[in-house]
Protein backbone atom coordinates (compact mmCIF):
# COMPACT_ATOMS: atom_id res chain seq x y z
CA MET A 1 -86.06 -61.21 48.94
CA SER A 2 -87.36 -57.90 50.17
CA LYS A 3 -89.22 -55.33 48.05
CA LYS A 4 -86.23 -53.02 48.24
CA GLU A 5 -83.90 -55.56 46.84
CA ARG A 6 -86.36 -56.53 44.16
CA ASN A 7 -86.56 -52.90 43.06
CA ILE A 8 -82.79 -52.56 43.02
CA GLU A 9 -82.47 -55.79 40.91
CA LYS A 10 -85.09 -54.54 38.50
CA THR A 11 -83.34 -51.19 38.15
CA THR A 12 -80.06 -52.94 37.47
CA ARG A 13 -81.55 -55.05 34.75
CA GLN A 14 -83.17 -51.97 33.17
CA HIS A 15 -79.83 -50.24 33.24
CA LYS A 16 -78.01 -53.22 31.61
CA ARG A 17 -80.69 -53.41 28.80
CA LEU A 18 -80.22 -49.63 28.31
CA ILE A 19 -76.50 -49.87 27.89
CA LYS A 20 -76.88 -52.82 25.62
CA ARG A 21 -79.45 -51.02 23.53
CA ARG A 22 -77.01 -47.94 23.18
CA LYS A 23 -74.15 -50.01 22.00
CA PRO A 24 -73.09 -48.86 18.56
CA ASN A 25 -74.46 -51.26 15.95
CA ARG A 26 -71.22 -51.70 13.82
CA SER A 27 -68.49 -54.19 13.65
CA VAL A 28 -64.77 -53.82 14.48
CA TRP A 29 -64.06 -53.70 10.72
CA GLY A 30 -66.57 -50.86 10.44
CA ASP A 31 -64.65 -48.85 13.18
CA ILE A 32 -61.40 -49.66 11.33
CA PHE A 33 -62.85 -48.33 7.97
CA LEU A 34 -64.19 -45.19 9.84
CA TYR A 35 -60.85 -44.37 11.36
CA LEU A 36 -58.96 -44.97 8.06
CA TYR A 37 -61.43 -42.86 6.26
CA LEU A 38 -61.02 -39.96 8.73
CA LEU A 39 -57.31 -40.34 8.51
CA PHE A 40 -57.41 -40.08 4.75
CA VAL A 41 -59.57 -36.87 4.98
CA ALA A 42 -57.24 -35.36 7.55
CA MET A 43 -54.27 -36.03 5.34
CA ILE A 44 -55.97 -34.30 2.36
CA MET A 45 -56.84 -31.29 4.53
CA VAL A 46 -53.38 -30.86 6.04
CA PHE A 47 -51.50 -31.47 2.86
CA PRO A 48 -51.73 -27.79 1.65
CA ILE A 49 -50.20 -26.55 4.85
CA VAL A 50 -47.41 -29.08 4.87
CA TYR A 51 -46.58 -28.28 1.19
CA ALA A 52 -46.54 -24.53 1.87
CA VAL A 53 -44.24 -24.87 4.85
CA ASN A 54 -41.84 -27.13 2.92
CA SER A 55 -41.75 -24.81 0.02
CA ALA A 56 -40.79 -22.03 2.35
CA LEU A 57 -37.89 -24.19 3.57
CA LYS A 58 -36.56 -25.15 0.07
CA PRO A 59 -33.68 -23.46 -1.51
CA LEU A 60 -34.30 -21.73 -4.84
CA ASP A 61 -32.97 -24.63 -6.99
CA GLU A 62 -35.44 -27.02 -5.28
CA LEU A 63 -38.32 -24.56 -5.88
CA PHE A 64 -37.89 -24.94 -9.60
CA MET A 65 -37.17 -28.76 -9.56
CA PHE A 66 -39.34 -30.82 -11.91
CA PRO A 67 -41.20 -33.02 -10.93
CA PRO A 68 -41.61 -30.96 -7.72
CA LYS A 69 -40.86 -32.62 -4.40
CA ILE A 70 -43.29 -32.33 -1.60
CA PHE A 71 -40.56 -32.23 1.23
CA ALA A 72 -37.55 -30.02 1.27
CA GLN A 73 -34.41 -32.18 0.56
CA ASN A 74 -32.01 -29.52 1.98
CA PRO A 75 -34.17 -27.38 4.30
CA THR A 76 -32.97 -23.87 4.94
CA LEU A 77 -34.18 -20.67 6.60
CA ASP A 78 -32.62 -18.44 3.93
CA ASN A 79 -36.05 -17.55 2.47
CA PHE A 80 -37.13 -16.03 5.73
CA SER A 81 -33.91 -14.26 6.28
CA ASP A 82 -34.02 -12.82 2.78
CA LEU A 83 -37.60 -11.75 3.36
CA PHE A 84 -36.70 -9.83 6.52
CA VAL A 85 -33.72 -8.27 4.76
CA THR A 86 -35.89 -7.00 1.96
CA MET A 87 -38.40 -5.72 4.30
CA GLY A 88 -35.67 -3.93 6.21
CA LYS A 89 -34.61 -2.10 3.13
CA SER A 90 -38.09 -0.38 2.89
CA TRP A 91 -38.32 3.08 4.15
CA VAL A 92 -41.32 2.01 6.23
CA THR A 93 -40.11 -0.48 8.82
CA PHE A 94 -41.43 -4.04 9.23
CA SER A 95 -42.57 -3.28 12.73
CA ARG A 96 -44.83 -0.49 11.40
CA TYR A 97 -46.63 -2.78 8.91
CA LEU A 98 -46.97 -5.28 11.71
CA PHE A 99 -48.47 -2.73 14.04
CA ASN A 100 -50.92 -1.53 11.42
CA THR A 101 -52.21 -5.03 10.89
CA VAL A 102 -52.38 -6.02 14.61
CA PHE A 103 -54.16 -2.72 15.49
CA ILE A 104 -56.76 -3.14 12.72
CA THR A 105 -57.29 -6.83 13.53
CA ALA A 106 -57.56 -6.30 17.36
CA VAL A 107 -59.79 -3.31 17.40
CA GLY A 108 -61.94 -4.53 14.49
CA THR A 109 -62.46 -7.93 16.11
CA ALA A 110 -63.18 -6.52 19.52
CA GLY A 111 -65.67 -3.98 18.26
CA HIS A 112 -67.36 -6.46 16.05
CA LEU A 113 -67.70 -8.94 18.91
CA ILE A 114 -69.10 -6.35 21.44
CA ILE A 115 -71.53 -4.72 18.92
CA ALA A 116 -72.75 -8.12 17.44
CA SER A 117 -73.23 -9.63 20.88
CA MET A 118 -75.21 -6.70 22.37
CA ALA A 119 -77.49 -6.38 19.42
CA ALA A 120 -77.95 -10.18 19.18
CA PHE A 121 -78.97 -10.32 22.93
CA VAL A 122 -81.66 -7.73 22.27
CA LEU A 123 -83.01 -9.38 19.16
CA ALA A 124 -82.96 -12.85 20.69
CA LYS A 125 -84.47 -12.19 24.11
CA TYR A 126 -86.68 -9.09 23.72
CA GLU A 127 -89.75 -8.32 21.74
CA PHE A 128 -89.93 -4.74 20.23
CA PRO A 129 -91.56 -3.14 17.17
CA GLY A 130 -89.36 -3.67 14.05
CA GLY A 131 -87.18 -6.24 15.64
CA LYS A 132 -88.14 -9.13 13.20
CA THR A 133 -87.89 -6.81 10.19
CA PHE A 134 -84.42 -5.64 11.26
CA PHE A 135 -83.19 -9.22 11.56
CA ARG A 136 -84.55 -9.98 8.14
CA LEU A 137 -82.53 -7.08 6.80
CA VAL A 138 -79.42 -8.48 8.45
CA THR A 139 -80.12 -11.94 6.78
CA VAL A 140 -80.52 -10.33 3.39
CA ALA A 141 -77.46 -8.40 3.93
CA MET A 142 -75.44 -11.63 4.21
CA MET A 143 -76.40 -12.49 0.54
CA PHE A 144 -74.36 -9.53 -0.82
CA SER A 145 -70.64 -10.04 -1.28
CA GLY A 146 -67.89 -7.39 -0.84
CA TYR A 147 -67.66 -6.88 -4.54
CA VAL A 148 -71.34 -5.74 -4.83
CA THR A 149 -71.03 -3.30 -1.87
CA ALA A 150 -67.46 -1.98 -2.72
CA ILE A 151 -68.59 1.26 -4.50
CA PRO A 152 -71.31 2.21 -1.91
CA ASN A 153 -68.83 1.58 0.88
CA TYR A 154 -66.27 3.76 -0.66
CA LEU A 155 -68.70 6.55 -1.31
CA ILE A 156 -69.89 6.47 2.30
CA ILE A 157 -66.42 6.27 3.86
CA ASN A 158 -65.18 9.17 1.55
CA ALA A 159 -68.18 11.28 2.60
CA LEU A 160 -67.29 10.63 6.28
CA GLY A 161 -63.59 11.53 5.66
CA TRP A 162 -62.17 8.20 6.64
CA VAL A 163 -60.23 7.38 3.54
CA ASP A 164 -56.53 6.72 4.16
CA THR A 165 -57.32 6.04 7.83
CA TYR A 166 -57.55 2.86 9.96
CA TRP A 167 -61.20 3.51 10.48
CA ALA A 168 -61.94 2.78 6.81
CA ILE A 169 -61.29 -0.84 7.60
CA ILE A 170 -62.25 -1.05 11.29
CA ILE A 171 -65.71 0.56 11.20
CA PRO A 172 -67.18 -1.60 8.38
CA ALA A 173 -65.91 -4.60 10.28
CA PHE A 174 -68.09 -3.67 13.25
CA ALA A 175 -71.17 -3.95 11.09
CA SER A 176 -70.51 -7.50 9.56
CA PRO A 177 -73.82 -9.24 9.37
CA MET A 178 -72.34 -12.72 9.92
CA GLY A 179 -71.47 -11.95 13.54
CA LEU A 180 -74.89 -10.63 14.38
CA PHE A 181 -76.60 -13.61 12.75
CA LEU A 182 -74.36 -16.21 14.43
CA MET A 183 -74.71 -14.68 17.90
CA LYS A 184 -78.52 -14.25 17.66
CA GLN A 185 -79.08 -17.75 16.61
CA PHE A 186 -76.95 -19.16 19.34
CA MET A 187 -78.49 -16.87 22.06
CA GLU A 188 -81.94 -18.07 21.13
CA GLY A 189 -81.06 -21.46 22.64
CA LEU A 190 -80.09 -19.88 25.97
CA PRO A 191 -82.83 -20.53 28.61
CA THR A 192 -84.89 -17.52 29.25
CA SER A 193 -85.56 -18.81 32.78
CA LEU A 194 -81.86 -18.34 33.60
CA ILE A 195 -82.00 -14.67 32.62
CA GLU A 196 -85.29 -14.18 34.51
CA ALA A 197 -83.81 -15.80 37.62
CA ALA A 198 -80.84 -13.45 37.44
CA LYS A 199 -83.13 -10.43 37.18
CA ILE A 200 -85.16 -11.62 40.16
CA ASP A 201 -81.99 -11.80 42.23
CA GLY A 202 -81.36 -8.15 41.34
CA ALA A 203 -78.95 -8.31 38.49
CA SER A 204 -78.83 -5.41 36.11
CA GLU A 205 -79.23 -5.82 32.26
CA TRP A 206 -75.45 -5.32 31.88
CA LYS A 207 -74.68 -7.81 34.65
CA VAL A 208 -76.98 -10.32 32.96
CA PHE A 209 -75.28 -9.74 29.68
CA THR A 210 -71.71 -9.96 30.99
CA SER A 211 -72.00 -12.56 33.64
CA ILE A 212 -74.87 -14.94 32.37
CA VAL A 213 -75.33 -14.60 28.69
CA MET A 214 -71.70 -14.19 27.36
CA PRO A 215 -70.01 -16.99 29.34
CA ASN A 216 -72.80 -19.36 28.11
CA VAL A 217 -72.47 -18.53 24.39
CA LYS A 218 -68.69 -18.77 24.43
CA PRO A 219 -68.66 -21.26 21.50
CA ALA A 220 -70.36 -18.61 19.34
CA TRP A 221 -68.19 -15.69 20.11
CA MET A 222 -65.00 -17.90 19.83
CA THR A 223 -66.17 -18.83 16.34
CA LEU A 224 -66.85 -15.24 15.57
CA ILE A 225 -63.34 -14.30 16.63
CA ILE A 226 -61.92 -16.92 14.23
CA PHE A 227 -63.85 -15.46 11.24
CA SER A 228 -63.18 -11.89 12.21
CA VAL A 229 -59.36 -12.35 12.72
CA GLN A 230 -59.09 -14.25 9.43
CA ALA A 231 -60.87 -11.51 7.54
CA LEU A 232 -58.99 -8.60 8.96
CA TRP A 233 -55.60 -10.15 9.08
CA ASN A 234 -55.74 -10.95 5.33
CA ASN A 235 -57.31 -7.64 4.38
CA LYS A 236 -54.85 -5.72 2.13
CA ALA A 237 -56.80 -2.46 2.64
CA ALA A 238 -55.51 -1.24 -0.78
CA THR A 239 -58.83 0.37 -1.68
CA PHE A 240 -58.93 2.70 1.21
CA ILE A 241 -55.46 3.15 2.56
CA TYR A 242 -52.95 4.95 0.22
CA SER A 243 -50.26 6.18 2.72
CA GLU A 244 -47.28 3.68 2.86
CA GLU A 245 -46.96 4.15 6.68
CA ARG A 246 -50.50 2.96 7.18
CA LYS A 247 -50.41 -0.04 4.86
CA THR A 248 -50.90 -3.55 6.25
CA LEU A 249 -48.47 -6.27 6.60
CA VAL A 250 -50.23 -8.52 3.97
CA TYR A 251 -50.00 -5.79 1.43
CA ALA A 252 -46.30 -5.20 1.90
CA LEU A 253 -45.63 -8.95 1.85
CA GLN A 254 -47.60 -9.48 -1.38
CA GLN A 255 -45.65 -6.61 -2.98
CA ILE A 256 -42.50 -8.63 -2.29
CA GLN A 257 -44.14 -11.71 -3.45
CA SER A 258 -44.76 -10.17 -6.91
CA GLY A 259 -41.11 -9.17 -7.36
CA GLY A 260 -40.39 -11.83 -9.93
CA ILE A 261 -38.55 -15.16 -10.24
CA ALA A 262 -35.69 -13.96 -7.90
CA ARG A 263 -38.09 -13.55 -5.11
CA THR A 264 -39.81 -16.98 -5.47
CA GLY A 265 -38.38 -18.27 -2.25
CA GLN A 266 -39.37 -15.06 -0.36
CA GLY A 267 -42.80 -15.49 -1.90
CA ALA A 268 -43.05 -18.94 -0.39
CA ALA A 269 -42.01 -17.54 2.97
CA VAL A 270 -44.66 -14.84 2.63
CA LEU A 271 -47.43 -17.43 2.32
CA VAL A 272 -46.35 -19.00 5.53
CA VAL A 273 -46.03 -15.76 7.50
CA VAL A 274 -49.51 -14.73 6.30
CA MET A 275 -51.23 -17.87 7.22
CA ILE A 276 -49.65 -18.74 10.51
CA VAL A 277 -51.65 -16.26 12.65
CA PRO A 278 -55.12 -17.31 11.43
CA ILE A 279 -54.12 -20.97 11.83
CA LEU A 280 -52.83 -20.44 15.43
CA ILE A 281 -55.99 -18.45 16.36
CA PHE A 282 -58.15 -21.33 14.93
CA ILE A 283 -56.22 -23.99 16.82
CA PHE A 284 -56.34 -22.36 20.14
CA SER A 285 -60.00 -21.29 19.70
CA GLU A 286 -61.12 -24.71 18.44
CA SER A 287 -60.05 -26.46 21.59
CA GLN A 288 -61.92 -23.95 23.81
CA ILE A 289 -64.98 -24.25 21.63
CA LEU A 290 -65.14 -28.05 21.93
CA GLU A 291 -64.48 -27.95 25.72
CA THR A 292 -67.35 -25.40 26.19
CA MET A 293 -69.81 -27.21 24.06
CA ALA A 294 -69.01 -30.51 25.93
CA SER A 295 -69.36 -29.06 29.55
CA SER A 296 -71.88 -26.17 29.51
CA GLY A 297 -75.03 -27.44 27.88
CA LEU A 298 -78.14 -25.82 29.33
CA LYS A 299 -81.82 -26.80 29.00
CA ASP A 300 -84.98 -25.29 30.24
């Protein structure tokens, strides 16, 4: 046997030992128990959504049935049709409420993503006086809930003349500390050598940011989109917006929901309408996040 053949045989044996060593150390029954446990957890997590959808499909008599049934016995879309009829009787059209919510959500999310990403890039990859102190302030700001900052926010927005405008909701969304913290922590794991190589090739700062940094931190900004859309879509904006033609869809729907026993079915339909957009955004974004994390790992 030649030296080359011996080396190949030795490499093969080492590879087989490595595969054997990496084999999961659990039995078939352990795998079965694990999958059953995951199935149980998944059923618990999906139950509220299934119950809400079925409640929206129930006629009024089934909604008051005791003991309550999980699934609709005689499913109907009357609750949704009644909801749109009620919304159609308002002097502000349904499309106007929808436009207000979509505009606030889209502009607020886009601005939050751009500002948080640009600030995070500077904090993560550049050293400058006061940079660490500024990031500590951002971290401290995450400790305060919206209830604590409600009065200062209102005083500032009122002084700027933004009360009863879209900007009262959009501009504060730009400065949410969660987005900056998330993007900065993720960008710190991006290889500095990749950025330096791009600069050596003549790429500008903006080119590096848009073509190198942002594509490689896609999981972070997709997660940021999920959080931002959920927060803005469900924002009633009742504190800052008083004109009916500028109110959000969630506010209008919740007014219908509080209309009494006769509107119980419409209230169930409202819950589905309000939650469907954040759920769809999460589903589509989650698949892209998992795909990106699996295929775009970088190391120095």
